[in-house]
Amino acid sequence: MRPESGLPFDDIRNLIATMPGPDGAAVEAVRLRDALLTKPPGSLGRLERIVEWLAAWQAKPQPSVDRPLVAIFAGNHGVVARGVSAFPPEVTRQMVDNFAAGGAAINQICLTLDLGLKVFDLALDHPTADITIEPAMDEVTCAGTMAFGMEATAGGHDLLCIGEMGIGNTTIAAAICNALFGGTADDWVGPGTGLDEPGLARKRAVVATALTCHADWLGDPLEVLRRLGGREIAAMAGAIVAARHGRIPVVVDGFVATSAAAILHALDASSVDHCLFGHVSAEPGHTRVLAAMDKEPMLDLGMRLGEGTGAALAAGIVRSAATVHRGMATFDQAGVSEADDQSE
């Protein structure tokens, strides 16, 4: 079935339909310079592809990462009352305060790698509705939250890393991915913050019940988002859309952040071509959703913290790739002999 009102989501659909494509001329300029640098062709492996990706989406023949931002979106979920998390919902607010005080893991990574950090509080005192009995959000709220997430692209940033904080949101991500890609709740549900087996059983039951409750509307990815999603997931989806229009490449964090990208991917697979997926988390559904979208993660460190930590670590690699490409000398500049022509 189509959305109930149509109008707010029509604006989102139009933004996705009018996304700019990659800049082929910038990619070609990167390849031409790469062929002149003091190294064997292809010797920097995936770093070379990352520079091409940056050029394509920044539309710059010499891409750079000078003003990167890690954006953390924080939201609370009514479904937590069903016992799907090892932590109570007030921890979301407490962790947002911890971010502000500089005491979280993401603060240390951003400090080490010289990344900007901004936290978006998404009505933490007003959790979304319990998805087992009603939609998480109405359409106006969902579209408005996507629009709020678009504000993360303001400020002249040239790389955006998206992450989240929200007790219970791996349940939400599992429900979204189950709705988009099929299978059963067992395929998508994992331990999150450390659930025991009874907790996992409750979490699987919640996801299965939610999908049954909303089954008639799950053919539309935006309906999946508003019915099963959370404010932080809607905001991350909006940030991804706005970044594309602003020519800002995006690095996506773990399972929950990837579920936001999956909504857009289900609407138009090319809508997340400007995204790299920073890591594959230890949450089992993350491996599955990356495979379903045919996306290759940059890192596999067994992490499952969220907070944008995996994306931030990957951003350090992206920044290094850009710096290497811009700063390396060519063979002529360095006075280094090139390889002999092996052709006959």
C-alpha atoms as a PDB file:
ATOM      1  CA  MET A   1       0.000   0.000   0.000  1.00  0.00           C
ATOM      2  CA  ARG A   2       1.085   3.595  -0.581  1.00  0.00           C
ATOM      3  CA  PRO A   3       1.813   6.043   2.245  1.00  0.00           C
ATOM      4  CA  GLU A   4      -1.264   7.396   3.968  1.00  0.00           C
ATOM      5  CA  SER A   5      -0.789  11.085   3.166  1.00  0.00           C
ATOM      6  CA  GLY A   6       1.748  11.005   0.355  1.00  0.00           C
ATOM      7  CA  LEU A   7       2.945  14.579   0.573  1.00  0.00           C
ATOM      8  CA  PRO A   8       5.874  14.567   3.042  1.00  0.00           C
ATOM      9  CA  PHE A   9       7.395  11.432   1.559  1.00  0.00           C
ATOM     10  CA  ASP A  10       6.915  12.776  -1.970  1.00  0.00           C
ATOM     11  CA  ASP A  11       9.504  15.440  -1.151  1.00  0.00           C
ATOM     12  CA  ILE A  12      11.952  12.741  -0.050  1.00  0.00           C
ATOM     13  CA  ARG A  13      11.300  10.684  -3.163  1.00  0.00           C
ATOM     14  CA  ASN A  14      11.965  13.730  -5.335  1.00  0.00           C
ATOM     15  CA  LEU A  15      15.282  14.393  -3.596  1.00  0.00           C
ATOM     16  CA  ILE A  16      16.347  10.808  -4.245  1.00  0.00           C
ATOM     17  CA  ALA A  17      15.222  10.956  -7.880  1.00  0.00           C
ATOM     18  CA  THR A  18      17.279  14.126  -8.504  1.00  0.00           C
ATOM     19  CA  MET A  19      20.541  13.043  -6.872  1.00  0.00           C
ATOM     20  CA  PRO A  20      23.635  14.027  -8.883  1.00  0.00           C
ATOM     21  CA  GLY A  21      25.802  11.269 -10.290  1.00  0.00           C
ATOM     22  CA  PRO A  22      29.559  10.733 -10.103  1.00  0.00           C
ATOM     23  CA  ASP A  23      31.980  13.105 -11.804  1.00  0.00           C
ATOM     24  CA  GLY A  24      33.729  10.983 -14.427  1.00  0.00           C
ATOM     25  CA  ALA A  25      36.191  13.699 -15.409  1.00  0.00           C
ATOM     26  CA  ALA A  26      37.443  13.989 -11.828  1.00  0.00           C
ATOM     27  CA  VAL A  27      37.946  10.226 -11.649  1.00  0.00           C
ATOM     28  CA  GLU A  28      39.922  10.252 -14.885  1.00  0.00           C
ATOM     29  CA  ALA A  29      42.132  13.077 -13.568  1.00  0.00           C
ATOM     30  CA  VAL A  30      42.908  10.999 -10.474  1.00  0.00           C
ATOM     31  CA  ARG A  31      43.825   7.997 -12.612  1.00  0.00           C
ATOM     32  CA  LEU A  32      46.110  10.060 -14.822  1.00  0.00           C
ATOM     33  CA  ARG A  33      47.966  11.491 -11.823  1.00  0.00           C
ATOM     34  CA  ASP A  34      48.123   8.090 -10.121  1.00  0.00           C
ATOM     35  CA  ALA A  35      49.958   6.687 -13.151  1.00  0.00           C
ATOM     36  CA  LEU A  36      52.707   9.274 -12.637  1.00  0.00           C
ATOM     37  CA  LEU A  37      53.285   8.788  -8.910  1.00  0.00           C
ATOM     38  CA  THR A  38      56.424   7.163  -7.501  1.00  0.00           C
ATOM     39  CA  LYS A  39      55.041   3.674  -7.025  1.00  0.00           C
ATOM     40  CA  PRO A  40      54.244   0.611  -9.111  1.00  0.00           C
ATOM     41  CA  PRO A  41      50.766   0.719 -10.660  1.00  0.00           C
ATOM     42  CA  GLY A  42      48.122  -0.607  -8.274  1.00  0.00           C
ATOM     43  CA  SER A  43      50.568  -0.961  -5.387  1.00  0.00           C
ATOM     44  CA  LEU A  44      48.388   1.008  -2.978  1.00  0.00           C
ATOM     45  CA  GLY A  45      45.511  -1.347  -3.583  1.00  0.00           C
ATOM     46  CA  ARG A  46      42.166  -0.204  -2.268  1.00  0.00           C
ATOM     47  CA  LEU A  47      43.562   3.191  -1.294  1.00  0.00           C
ATOM     48  CA  GLU A  48      43.692   4.026  -4.989  1.00  0.00           C
ATOM     49  CA  ARG A  49      40.018   3.132  -5.406  1.00  0.00           C
ATOM     50  CA  ILE A  50      39.133   5.233  -2.389  1.00  0.00           C
ATOM     51  CA  VAL A  51      40.747   8.297  -3.962  1.00  0.00           C
ATOM     52  CA  GLU A  52      38.769   7.694  -7.147  1.00  0.00           C
ATOM     53  CA  TRP A  53      35.588   7.408  -5.067  1.00  0.00           C
ATOM     54  CA  LEU A  54      36.355  10.675  -3.300  1.00  0.00           C
ATOM     55  CA  ALA A  55      36.981  12.422  -6.607  1.00  0.00           C
ATOM     56  CA  ALA A  56      33.770  11.076  -8.102  1.00  0.00           C
ATOM     57  CA  TRP A  57      31.556  12.359  -5.314  1.00  0.00           C
ATOM     58  CA  GLN A  58      33.403  15.542  -4.360  1.00  0.00           C
ATOM     59  CA  ALA A  59      33.644  16.341  -8.093  1.00  0.00           C
ATOM     60  CA  LYS A  60      37.290  17.359  -7.534  1.00  0.00           C
ATOM     61  CA  PRO A  61      40.238  16.164  -9.654  1.00  0.00           C
ATOM     62  CA  GLN A  62      42.425  16.389  -6.536  1.00  0.00           C
ATOM     63  CA  PRO A  63      40.121  15.298  -3.713  1.00  0.00           C
ATOM     64  CA  SER A  64      40.906  16.182  -0.118  1.00  0.00           C
ATOM     65  CA  VAL A  65      39.614  15.551   3.374  1.00  0.00           C
ATOM     66  CA  ASP A  66      40.173  18.782   5.256  1.00  0.00           C
ATOM     67  CA  ARG A  67      36.931  19.151   7.241  1.00  0.00           C
ATOM     68  CA  PRO A  68      35.618  15.694   8.108  1.00  0.00           C
ATOM     69  CA  LEU A  69      32.697  15.348  10.525  1.00  0.00           C
ATOM     70  CA  VAL A  70      31.421  12.466  12.605  1.00  0.00           C
ATOM     71  CA  ALA A  71      27.695  12.990  13.183  1.00  0.00           C
ATOM     72  CA  ILE A  72      26.054  10.937  15.933  1.00  0.00           C
ATOM     73  CA  PHE A  73      22.263  10.774  15.933  1.00  0.00           C
ATOM     74  CA  ALA A  74      20.621   9.770  19.221  1.00  0.00           C
ATOM     75  CA  GLY A  75      17.076   8.485  19.609  1.00  0.00           C
ATOM     76  CA  ASN A  76      14.955   6.424  21.994  1.00  0.00           C
ATOM     77  CA  HIS A  77      12.543   3.601  21.210  1.00  0.00           C
ATOM     78  CA  GLY A  78       9.259   2.603  22.827  1.00  0.00           C
ATOM     79  CA  VAL A  79       9.877  -1.045  22.052  1.00  0.00           C
ATOM     80  CA  VAL A  80      12.603  -1.131  24.735  1.00  0.00           C
ATOM     81  CA  ALA A  81       9.795  -1.718  27.238  1.00  0.00           C
ATOM     82  CA  ARG A  82       9.520  -5.213  25.724  1.00  0.00           C
ATOM     83  CA  GLY A  83      12.860  -6.240  27.268  1.00  0.00           C
ATOM     84  CA  VAL A  84      14.944  -6.209  24.079  1.00  0.00           C
ATOM     85  CA  SER A  85      18.038  -4.543  25.547  1.00  0.00           C
ATOM     86  CA  ALA A  86      20.415  -5.290  28.387  1.00  0.00           C
ATOM     87  CA  PHE A  87      20.418  -1.559  29.244  1.00  0.00           C
ATOM     88  CA  PRO A  88      17.568   0.784  30.244  1.00  0.00           C
ATOM     89  CA  PRO A  89      16.508   3.615  27.896  1.00  0.00           C
ATOM     90  CA  GLU A  90      17.927   6.358  30.117  1.00  0.00           C
ATOM     91  CA  VAL A  91      21.400   5.218  29.049  1.00  0.00           C
ATOM     92  CA  THR A  92      20.853   6.959  25.702  1.00  0.00           C
ATOM     93  CA  ARG A  93      20.671  10.348  27.429  1.00  0.00           C
ATOM     94  CA  GLN A  94      23.551   9.450  29.731  1.00  0.00           C
ATOM     95  CA  MET A  95      25.755   8.548  26.774  1.00  0.00           C
ATOM     96  CA  VAL A  96      24.861  11.771  24.961  1.00  0.00           C
ATOM     97  CA  ASP A  97      26.069  13.596  28.085  1.00  0.00           C
ATOM     98  CA  ASN A  98      29.211  11.455  28.000  1.00  0.00           C
ATOM     99  CA  PHE A  99      29.849  12.496  24.389  1.00  0.00           C
ATOM    100  CA  ALA A 100      29.503  16.136  25.424  1.00  0.00           C
ATOM    101  CA  ALA A 101      31.974  15.611  28.262  1.00  0.00           C
ATOM    102  CA  GLY A 102      34.505  13.933  25.961  1.00  0.00           C
ATOM    103  CA  GLY A 103      34.427  10.617  27.784  1.00  0.00           C
ATOM    104  CA  ALA A 104      33.273   8.163  25.108  1.00  0.00           C
ATOM    105  CA  ALA A 105      35.271   5.982  22.744  1.00  0.00           C
ATOM    106  CA  ILE A 106      34.266   8.115  19.774  1.00  0.00           C
ATOM    107  CA  ASN A 107      35.710  11.214  21.446  1.00  0.00           C
ATOM    108  CA  GLN A 108      39.107   9.566  21.721  1.00  0.00           C
ATOM    109  CA  ILE A 109      39.077   8.388  18.095  1.00  0.00           C
ATOM    110  CA  CYS A 110      38.053  11.818  16.813  1.00  0.00           C
ATOM    111  CA  LEU A 111      40.762  13.442  18.928  1.00  0.00           C
ATOM    112  CA  THR A 112      43.397  11.054  17.622  1.00  0.00           C
ATOM    113  CA  LEU A 113      42.400  11.396  13.964  1.00  0.00           C
ATOM    114  CA  ASP A 114      41.501  15.118  14.038  1.00  0.00           C
ATOM    115  CA  LEU A 115      37.851  14.571  13.121  1.00  0.00           C
ATOM    116  CA  GLY A 116      35.026  16.944  13.949  1.00  0.00           C
ATOM    117  CA  LEU A 117      32.210  15.573  16.125  1.00  0.00           C
ATOM    118  CA  LYS A 118      28.601  16.675  16.447  1.00  0.00           C
ATOM    119  CA  VAL A 119      25.794  14.963  18.362  1.00  0.00           C
ATOM    120  CA  PHE A 120      22.136  15.321  17.385  1.00  0.00           C
ATOM    121  CA  ASP A 121      19.596  14.812  20.188  1.00  0.00           C
ATOM    122  CA  LEU A 122      16.426  13.560  18.518  1.00  0.00           C
ATOM    123  CA  ALA A 123      13.672  14.136  21.092  1.00  0.00           C
ATOM    124  CA  LEU A 124      15.157  11.700  23.585  1.00  0.00           C
ATOM    125  CA  ASP A 125      12.410  12.405  26.098  1.00  0.00           C
ATOM    126  CA  HIS A 126       9.796  11.263  23.563  1.00  0.00           C
ATOM    127  CA  PRO A 127      10.546   7.689  22.445  1.00  0.00           C
ATOM    128  CA  THR A 128       9.038   6.395  19.241  1.00  0.00           C
ATOM    129  CA  ALA A 129       5.953   4.209  19.593  1.00  0.00           C
ATOM    130  CA  ASP A 130       6.091   0.480  20.293  1.00  0.00           C
ATOM    131  CA  ILE A 131       6.447  -1.083  16.850  1.00  0.00           C
ATOM    132  CA  THR A 132       4.748  -4.296  17.923  1.00  0.00           C
ATOM    133  CA  ILE A 133       1.395  -2.515  18.151  1.00  0.00           C
ATOM    134  CA  GLU A 134       1.603   0.712  16.090  1.00  0.00           C
ATOM    135  CA  PRO A 135       3.890   2.630  13.721  1.00  0.00           C
ATOM    136  CA  ALA A 136       7.015   4.101  15.267  1.00  0.00           C
ATOM    137  CA  MET A 137       6.260   7.508  13.707  1.00  0.00           C
ATOM    138  CA  ASP A 138       3.640   9.197  11.603  1.00  0.00           C
ATOM    139  CA  GLU A 139       4.666  10.289   8.148  1.00  0.00           C
ATOM    140  CA  VAL A 140       5.098  13.961   9.007  1.00  0.00           C
ATOM    141  CA  THR A 141       7.377  13.122  11.948  1.00  0.00           C
ATOM    142  CA  CYS A 142       9.439  10.686   9.903  1.00  0.00           C
ATOM    143  CA  ALA A 143       9.934  13.062   6.968  1.00  0.00           C
ATOM    144  CA  GLY A 144      10.609  15.953   9.333  1.00  0.00           C
ATOM    145  CA  THR A 145      13.247  13.928  11.150  1.00  0.00           C
ATOM    146  CA  MET A 146      14.890  13.086   7.835  1.00  0.00           C
ATOM    147  CA  ALA A 147      14.952  16.811   7.071  1.00  0.00           C
ATOM    148  CA  PHE A 148      16.510  17.502  10.483  1.00  0.00           C
ATOM    149  CA  GLY A 149      19.219  14.945   9.730  1.00  0.00           C
ATOM    150  CA  MET A 150      20.040  16.840   6.554  1.00  0.00           C
ATOM    151  CA  GLU A 151      21.405  19.644   8.729  1.00  0.00           C
ATOM    152  CA  ALA A 152      24.462  17.487   9.432  1.00  0.00           C
ATOM    153  CA  THR A 153      25.815  18.496   6.034  1.00  0.00           C
ATOM    154  CA  ALA A 154      25.931  22.203   6.892  1.00  0.00           C
ATOM    155  CA  GLY A 155      29.272  23.823   7.655  1.00  0.00           C
ATOM    156  CA  GLY A 156      31.460  23.090   4.658  1.00  0.00           C
ATOM    157  CA  HIS A 157      32.384  19.516   5.531  1.00  0.00           C
ATOM    158  CA  ASP A 158      34.043  17.385   2.846  1.00  0.00           C
ATOM    159  CA  LEU A 159      33.520  13.939   4.429  1.00  0.00           C
ATOM    160  CA  LEU A 160      30.604  12.847   6.609  1.00  0.00           C
ATOM    161  CA  CYS A 161      30.705   9.853   8.963  1.00  0.00           C
ATOM    162  CA  ILE A 162      27.324   8.792  10.325  1.00  0.00           C
ATOM    163  CA  GLY A 163      26.827   6.960  13.611  1.00  0.00           C
ATOM    164  CA  GLU A 164      24.160   6.603  16.262  1.00  0.00           C
ATOM    165  CA  MET A 165      23.262   6.101  19.897  1.00  0.00           C
ATOM    166  CA  GLY A 166      19.968   4.547  20.942  1.00  0.00           C
ATOM    167  CA  ILE A 167      19.204   1.811  23.428  1.00  0.00           C
ATOM    168  CA  GLY A 168      17.215  -0.886  21.634  1.00  0.00           C
ATOM    169  CA  ASN A 169      18.099   0.200  18.133  1.00  0.00           C
ATOM    170  CA  THR A 170      19.645  -3.097  16.998  1.00  0.00           C
ATOM    171  CA  THR A 171      16.107  -4.484  17.383  1.00  0.00           C
ATOM    172  CA  ILE A 172      14.915  -1.706  15.089  1.00  0.00           C
ATOM    173  CA  ALA A 173      17.701  -2.357  12.575  1.00  0.00           C
ATOM    174  CA  ALA A 174      16.898  -6.076  12.570  1.00  0.00           C
ATOM    175  CA  ALA A 175      13.222  -5.365  11.921  1.00  0.00           C
ATOM    176  CA  ILE A 176      14.031  -2.979   9.062  1.00  0.00           C
ATOM    177  CA  CYS A 177      16.432  -5.408   7.397  1.00  0.00           C
ATOM    178  CA  ASN A 178      14.024  -8.309   7.840  1.00  0.00           C
ATOM    179  CA  ALA A 179      11.301  -6.251   6.150  1.00  0.00           C
ATOM    180  CA  LEU A 180      13.553  -5.150   3.283  1.00  0.00           C
ATOM    181  CA  PHE A 181      15.452  -8.357   2.562  1.00  0.00           C
ATOM    182  CA  GLY A 182      13.248 -11.182   3.851  1.00  0.00           C
ATOM    183  CA  GLY A 183      14.132 -14.207   5.898  1.00  0.00           C
ATOM    184  CA  THR A 184      13.108 -14.627   9.510  1.00  0.00           C
ATOM    185  CA  ALA A 185      13.779 -12.728  12.703  1.00  0.00           C
ATOM    186  CA  ASP A 186      16.387 -15.370  13.574  1.00  0.00           C
ATOM    187  CA  ASP A 187      18.378 -14.323  10.508  1.00  0.00           C
ATOM    188  CA  TRP A 188      18.671 -10.711  11.622  1.00  0.00           C
ATOM    189  CA  VAL A 189      18.569 -10.570  15.423  1.00  0.00           C
ATOM    190  CA  GLY A 190      21.820 -10.528  17.389  1.00  0.00           C
ATOM    191  CA  PRO A 191      22.909  -9.822  20.974  1.00  0.00           C
ATOM    192  CA  GLY A 192      23.189  -6.047  20.623  1.00  0.00           C
ATOM    193  CA  THR A 193      24.596  -4.717  23.890  1.00  0.00           C
ATOM    194  CA  GLY A 194      24.957  -8.220  25.316  1.00  0.00           C
ATOM    195  CA  LEU A 195      21.603  -9.969  25.667  1.00  0.00           C
ATOM    196  CA  ASP A 196      21.440 -13.426  27.197  1.00  0.00           C
ATOM    197  CA  GLU A 197      19.491 -16.219  25.489  1.00  0.00           C
ATOM    198  CA  PRO A 198      16.107 -15.355  27.071  1.00  0.00           C
ATOM    199  CA  GLY A 199      16.662 -11.758  25.995  1.00  0.00           C
ATOM    200  CA  LEU A 200      17.479 -12.875  22.464  1.00  0.00           C
ATOM    201  CA  ALA A 201      14.273 -14.915  22.382  1.00  0.00           C
ATOM    202  CA  ARG A 202      12.261 -11.830  23.396  1.00  0.00           C
ATOM    203  CA  LYS A 203      14.045  -9.764  20.769  1.00  0.00           C
ATOM    204  CA  ARG A 204      13.291 -12.290  18.009  1.00  0.00           C
ATOM    205  CA  ALA A 205       9.654 -12.424  19.066  1.00  0.00           C
ATOM    206  CA  VAL A 206       9.400  -8.636  19.030  1.00  0.00           C
ATOM    207  CA  VAL A 207      10.807  -8.411  15.492  1.00  0.00           C
ATOM    208  CA  ALA A 208       8.490 -11.159  14.238  1.00  0.00           C
ATOM    209  CA  THR A 209       5.459  -9.530  15.887  1.00  0.00           C
ATOM    210  CA  ALA A 210       6.326  -6.117  14.461  1.00  0.00           C
ATOM    211  CA  LEU A 211       6.601  -7.475  10.927  1.00  0.00           C
ATOM    212  CA  THR A 212       3.249  -9.203  11.274  1.00  0.00           C
ATOM    213  CA  CYS A 213       1.647  -6.034  12.641  1.00  0.00           C
ATOM    214  CA  HIS A 214       2.804  -3.907   9.701  1.00  0.00           C
ATOM    215  CA  ALA A 215       2.830  -6.565   6.973  1.00  0.00           C
ATOM    216  CA  ASP A 216       0.353  -4.783   4.677  1.00  0.00           C
ATOM    217  CA  TRP A 217       2.564  -1.704   4.327  1.00  0.00           C
ATOM    218  CA  LEU A 218       6.078  -3.090   4.056  1.00  0.00           C
ATOM    219  CA  GLY A 219       6.306  -2.998   0.254  1.00  0.00           C
ATOM    220  CA  ASP A 220       7.316   0.679   0.449  1.00  0.00           C
ATOM    221  CA  PRO A 221      10.776   1.325   1.981  1.00  0.00           C
ATOM    222  CA  LEU A 222       9.722   4.692   3.412  1.00  0.00           C
ATOM    223  CA  GLU A 223       6.790   3.008   5.116  1.00  0.00           C
ATOM    224  CA  VAL A 224       9.244   0.467   6.497  1.00  0.00           C
ATOM    225  CA  LEU A 225      11.229   3.378   7.908  1.00  0.00           C
ATOM    226  CA  ARG A 226       8.332   5.159   9.564  1.00  0.00           C
ATOM    227  CA  ARG A 227       6.613   2.033  10.876  1.00  0.00           C
ATOM    228  CA  LEU A 228       9.630   0.071  12.083  1.00  0.00           C
ATOM    229  CA  GLY A 229      12.372   2.682  12.310  1.00  0.00           C
ATOM    230  CA  GLY A 230      13.605   5.232  14.800  1.00  0.00           C
ATOM    231  CA  ARG A 231      14.353   8.917  14.729  1.00  0.00           C
ATOM    232  CA  GLU A 232      18.108   8.346  14.570  1.00  0.00           C
ATOM    233  CA  ILE A 233      17.684   6.030  11.580  1.00  0.00           C
ATOM    234  CA  ALA A 234      15.425   8.513   9.769  1.00  0.00           C
ATOM    235  CA  ALA A 235      17.915  11.299  10.473  1.00  0.00           C
ATOM    236  CA  MET A 236      20.838   9.252   9.158  1.00  0.00           C
ATOM    237  CA  ALA A 237      18.893   8.493   5.975  1.00  0.00           C
ATOM    238  CA  GLY A 238      18.240  12.213   5.556  1.00  0.00           C
ATOM    239  CA  ALA A 239      21.904  13.022   6.103  1.00  0.00           C
ATOM    240  CA  ILE A 240      22.914  10.550   3.397  1.00  0.00           C
ATOM    241  CA  VAL A 241      20.487  12.141   0.922  1.00  0.00           C
ATOM    242  CA  ALA A 242      21.625  15.680   1.715  1.00  0.00           C
ATOM    243  CA  ALA A 243      25.281  14.685   1.491  1.00  0.00           C
ATOM    244  CA  ARG A 244      24.754  13.419  -2.031  1.00  0.00           C
ATOM    245  CA  HIS A 245      23.224  16.719  -3.089  1.00  0.00           C
ATOM    246  CA  GLY A 246      26.046  18.586  -1.340  1.00  0.00           C
ATOM    247  CA  ARG A 247      28.786  16.492  -3.001  1.00  0.00           C
ATOM    248  CA  ILE A 248      29.923  15.151   0.374  1.00  0.00           C
ATOM    249  CA  PRO A 249      31.061  11.504   0.444  1.00  0.00           C
ATOM    250  CA  VAL A 250      29.720   9.482   3.379  1.00  0.00           C
ATOM    251  CA  VAL A 251      31.252   6.777   5.557  1.00  0.00           C
ATOM    252  CA  VAL A 252      28.596   4.597   7.189  1.00  0.00           C
ATOM    253  CA  ASP A 253      29.149   2.986  10.591  1.00  0.00           C
ATOM    254  CA  GLY A 254      27.695  -0.317  11.845  1.00  0.00           C
ATOM    255  CA  PHE A 255      24.473  -2.332  11.673  1.00  0.00           C
ATOM    256  CA  VAL A 256      22.104   0.443  12.736  1.00  0.00           C
ATOM    257  CA  ALA A 257      23.652   3.079  10.458  1.00  0.00           C
ATOM    258  CA  THR A 258      23.666   0.579   7.603  1.00  0.00           C
ATOM    259  CA  SER A 259      19.938  -0.048   8.104  1.00  0.00           C
ATOM    260  CA  ALA A 260      19.389   3.647   7.317  1.00  0.00           C
ATOM    261  CA  ALA A 261      21.393   3.272   4.107  1.00  0.00           C
ATOM    262  CA  ALA A 262      19.433   0.098   3.329  1.00  0.00           C
ATOM    263  CA  ILE A 263      16.174   2.079   3.241  1.00  0.00           C
ATOM    264  CA  LEU A 264      17.605   4.325   0.530  1.00  0.00           C
ATOM    265  CA  HIS A 265      19.167   1.378  -1.277  1.00  0.00           C
ATOM    266  CA  ALA A 266      15.739  -0.277  -1.445  1.00  0.00           C
ATOM    267  CA  LEU A 267      14.309   2.864  -3.044  1.00  0.00           C
ATOM    268  CA  ASP A 268      17.186   3.198  -5.543  1.00  0.00           C
ATOM    269  CA  ALA A 269      20.319   1.077  -5.317  1.00  0.00           C
ATOM    270  CA  SER A 270      22.449   3.899  -6.761  1.00  0.00           C
ATOM    271  CA  SER A 271      21.353   6.303  -4.009  1.00  0.00           C
ATOM    272  CA  VAL A 272      24.134   5.067  -1.712  1.00  0.00           C
ATOM    273  CA  ASP A 273      26.931   4.922  -4.273  1.00  0.00           C
ATOM    274  CA  HIS A 274      28.520   7.916  -2.525  1.00  0.00           C
ATOM    275  CA  CYS A 275      28.768   5.855   0.673  1.00  0.00           C
ATOM    276  CA  LEU A 276      31.585   3.675   1.918  1.00  0.00           C
ATOM    277  CA  PHE A 277      30.815   1.202   4.681  1.00  0.00           C
ATOM    278  CA  GLY A 278      33.429   1.748   7.334  1.00  0.00           C
ATOM    279  CA  HIS A 279      33.428  -1.669   8.963  1.00  0.00           C
ATOM    280  CA  VAL A 280      31.511  -4.870   9.482  1.00  0.00           C
ATOM    281  CA  SER A 281      30.414  -5.213  13.067  1.00  0.00           C
ATOM    282  CA  ALA A 282      30.147  -8.295  15.239  1.00  0.00           C
ATOM    283  CA  GLU A 283      26.353  -7.995  15.062  1.00  0.00           C
ATOM    284  CA  PRO A 284      25.431 -10.903  12.729  1.00  0.00           C
ATOM    285  CA  GLY A 285      22.795  -8.990  10.788  1.00  0.00           C
ATOM    286  CA  HIS A 286      25.399  -6.500   9.616  1.00  0.00           C
ATOM    287  CA  THR A 287      27.271  -9.074   7.556  1.00  0.00           C
ATOM    288  CA  ARG A 288      23.982 -10.159   6.023  1.00  0.00           C
ATOM    289  CA  VAL A 289      22.765  -6.683   5.071  1.00  0.00           C
ATOM    290  CA  LEU A 290      26.118  -5.695   3.555  1.00  0.00           C
ATOM    291  CA  ALA A 291      26.005  -8.829   1.423  1.00  0.00           C
ATOM    292  CA  ALA A 292      22.407  -8.104   0.405  1.00  0.00           C
ATOM    293  CA  MET A 293      23.470  -4.661  -0.838  1.00  0.00           C
ATOM    294  CA  ASP A 294      26.710  -6.011  -2.367  1.00  0.00           C
ATOM    295  CA  LYS A 295      28.831  -3.648  -0.264  1.00  0.00           C
ATOM    296  CA  GLU A 296      32.397  -4.345   0.868  1.00  0.00           C
ATOM    297  CA  PRO A 297      33.284  -3.085   4.365  1.00  0.00           C
ATOM    298  CA  MET A 298      36.623  -1.379   4.847  1.00  0.00           C
ATOM    299  CA  LEU A 299      37.481  -2.852   8.262  1.00  0.00           C
ATOM    300  CA  ASP A 300      36.661  -5.984  10.251  1.00  0.00           C
ATOM    301  CA  LEU A 301      37.744  -5.425  13.853  1.00  0.00           C
ATOM    302  CA  GLY A 302      35.022  -7.321  15.694  1.00  0.00           C
ATOM    303  CA  MET A 303      33.515  -4.047  16.948  1.00  0.00           C
ATOM    304  CA  ARG A 304      29.857  -3.543  17.879  1.00  0.00           C
ATOM    305  CA  LEU A 305      29.846  -0.296  19.858  1.00  0.00           C
ATOM    306  CA  GLY A 306      28.134   2.092  17.463  1.00  0.00           C
ATOM    307  CA  GLU A 307      28.751   5.796  18.142  1.00  0.00           C
ATOM    308  CA  GLY A 308      30.276   6.109  14.673  1.00  0.00           C
ATOM    309  CA  THR A 309      33.465   4.449  15.927  1.00  0.00           C
ATOM    310  CA  GLY A 310      33.988   2.136  12.949  1.00  0.00           C
ATOM    311  CA  ALA A 311      33.200   4.903  10.470  1.00  0.00           C
ATOM    312  CA  ALA A 312      35.613   7.263  12.217  1.00  0.00           C
ATOM    313  CA  LEU A 313      38.459   4.746  12.079  1.00  0.00           C
ATOM    314  CA  ALA A 314      37.748   4.203   8.386  1.00  0.00           C
ATOM    315  CA  ALA A 315      37.734   7.969   7.845  1.00  0.00           C
ATOM    316  CA  GLY A 316      41.350   7.997   8.952  1.00  0.00           C
ATOM    317  CA  ILE A 317      42.147   5.650   6.094  1.00  0.00           C
ATOM    318  CA  VAL A 318      40.113   7.741   3.636  1.00  0.00           C
ATOM    319  CA  ARG A 319      41.952  10.858   4.727  1.00  0.00           C
ATOM    320  CA  SER A 320      45.302   9.100   4.411  1.00  0.00           C
ATOM    321  CA  ALA A 321      44.439   7.939   0.893  1.00  0.00           C
ATOM    322  CA  ALA A 322      43.629  11.496  -0.185  1.00  0.00           C
ATOM    323  CA  THR A 323      46.784  12.896   1.416  1.00  0.00           C
ATOM    324  CA  VAL A 324      48.981  10.269  -0.198  1.00  0.00           C
ATOM    325  CA  HIS A 325      47.531  10.963  -3.633  1.00  0.00           C
ATOM    326  CA  ARG A 326      47.916  14.737  -3.333  1.00  0.00           C
ATOM    327  CA  GLY A 327      51.296  14.747  -1.637  1.00  0.00           C
ATOM    328  CA  MET A 328      53.297  12.050  -3.420  1.00  0.00           C
ATOM    329  CA  ALA A 329      55.868  13.169  -5.935  1.00  0.00           C
ATOM    330  CA  THR A 330      55.698  12.098  -9.539  1.00  0.00           C
ATOM    331  CA  PHE A 331      58.614  10.201 -11.086  1.00  0.00           C
ATOM    332  CA  ASP A 332      59.775  13.393 -12.810  1.00  0.00           C
ATOM    333  CA  GLN A 333      59.552  15.500  -9.639  1.00  0.00           C
ATOM    334  CA  ALA A 334      61.477  12.986  -7.578  1.00  0.00           C
ATOM    335  CA  GLY A 335      64.031  12.090 -10.232  1.00  0.00           C
ATOM    336  CA  VAL A 336      63.103   8.419  -9.915  1.00  0.00           C
ATOM    337  CA  SER A 337      63.393   6.151 -12.917  1.00  0.00           C
ATOM    338  CA  GLU A 338      60.150   4.624 -14.158  1.00  0.00           C
ATOM    339  CA  ALA A 339      59.746   0.937 -14.931  1.00  0.00           C
ATOM    340  CA  ASP A 340      61.018  -0.228 -18.306  1.00  0.00           C
ATOM    341  CA  ASP A 341      58.408  -0.795 -20.986  1.00  0.00           C
ATOM    342  CA  GLN A 342      57.941  -4.566 -21.039  1.00  0.00           C
ATOM    343  CA  SER A 343      56.048  -4.606 -24.319  1.00  0.00           C
ATOM    344  CA  GLU A 344      57.732  -5.871 -27.494  1.00  0.00           C
END
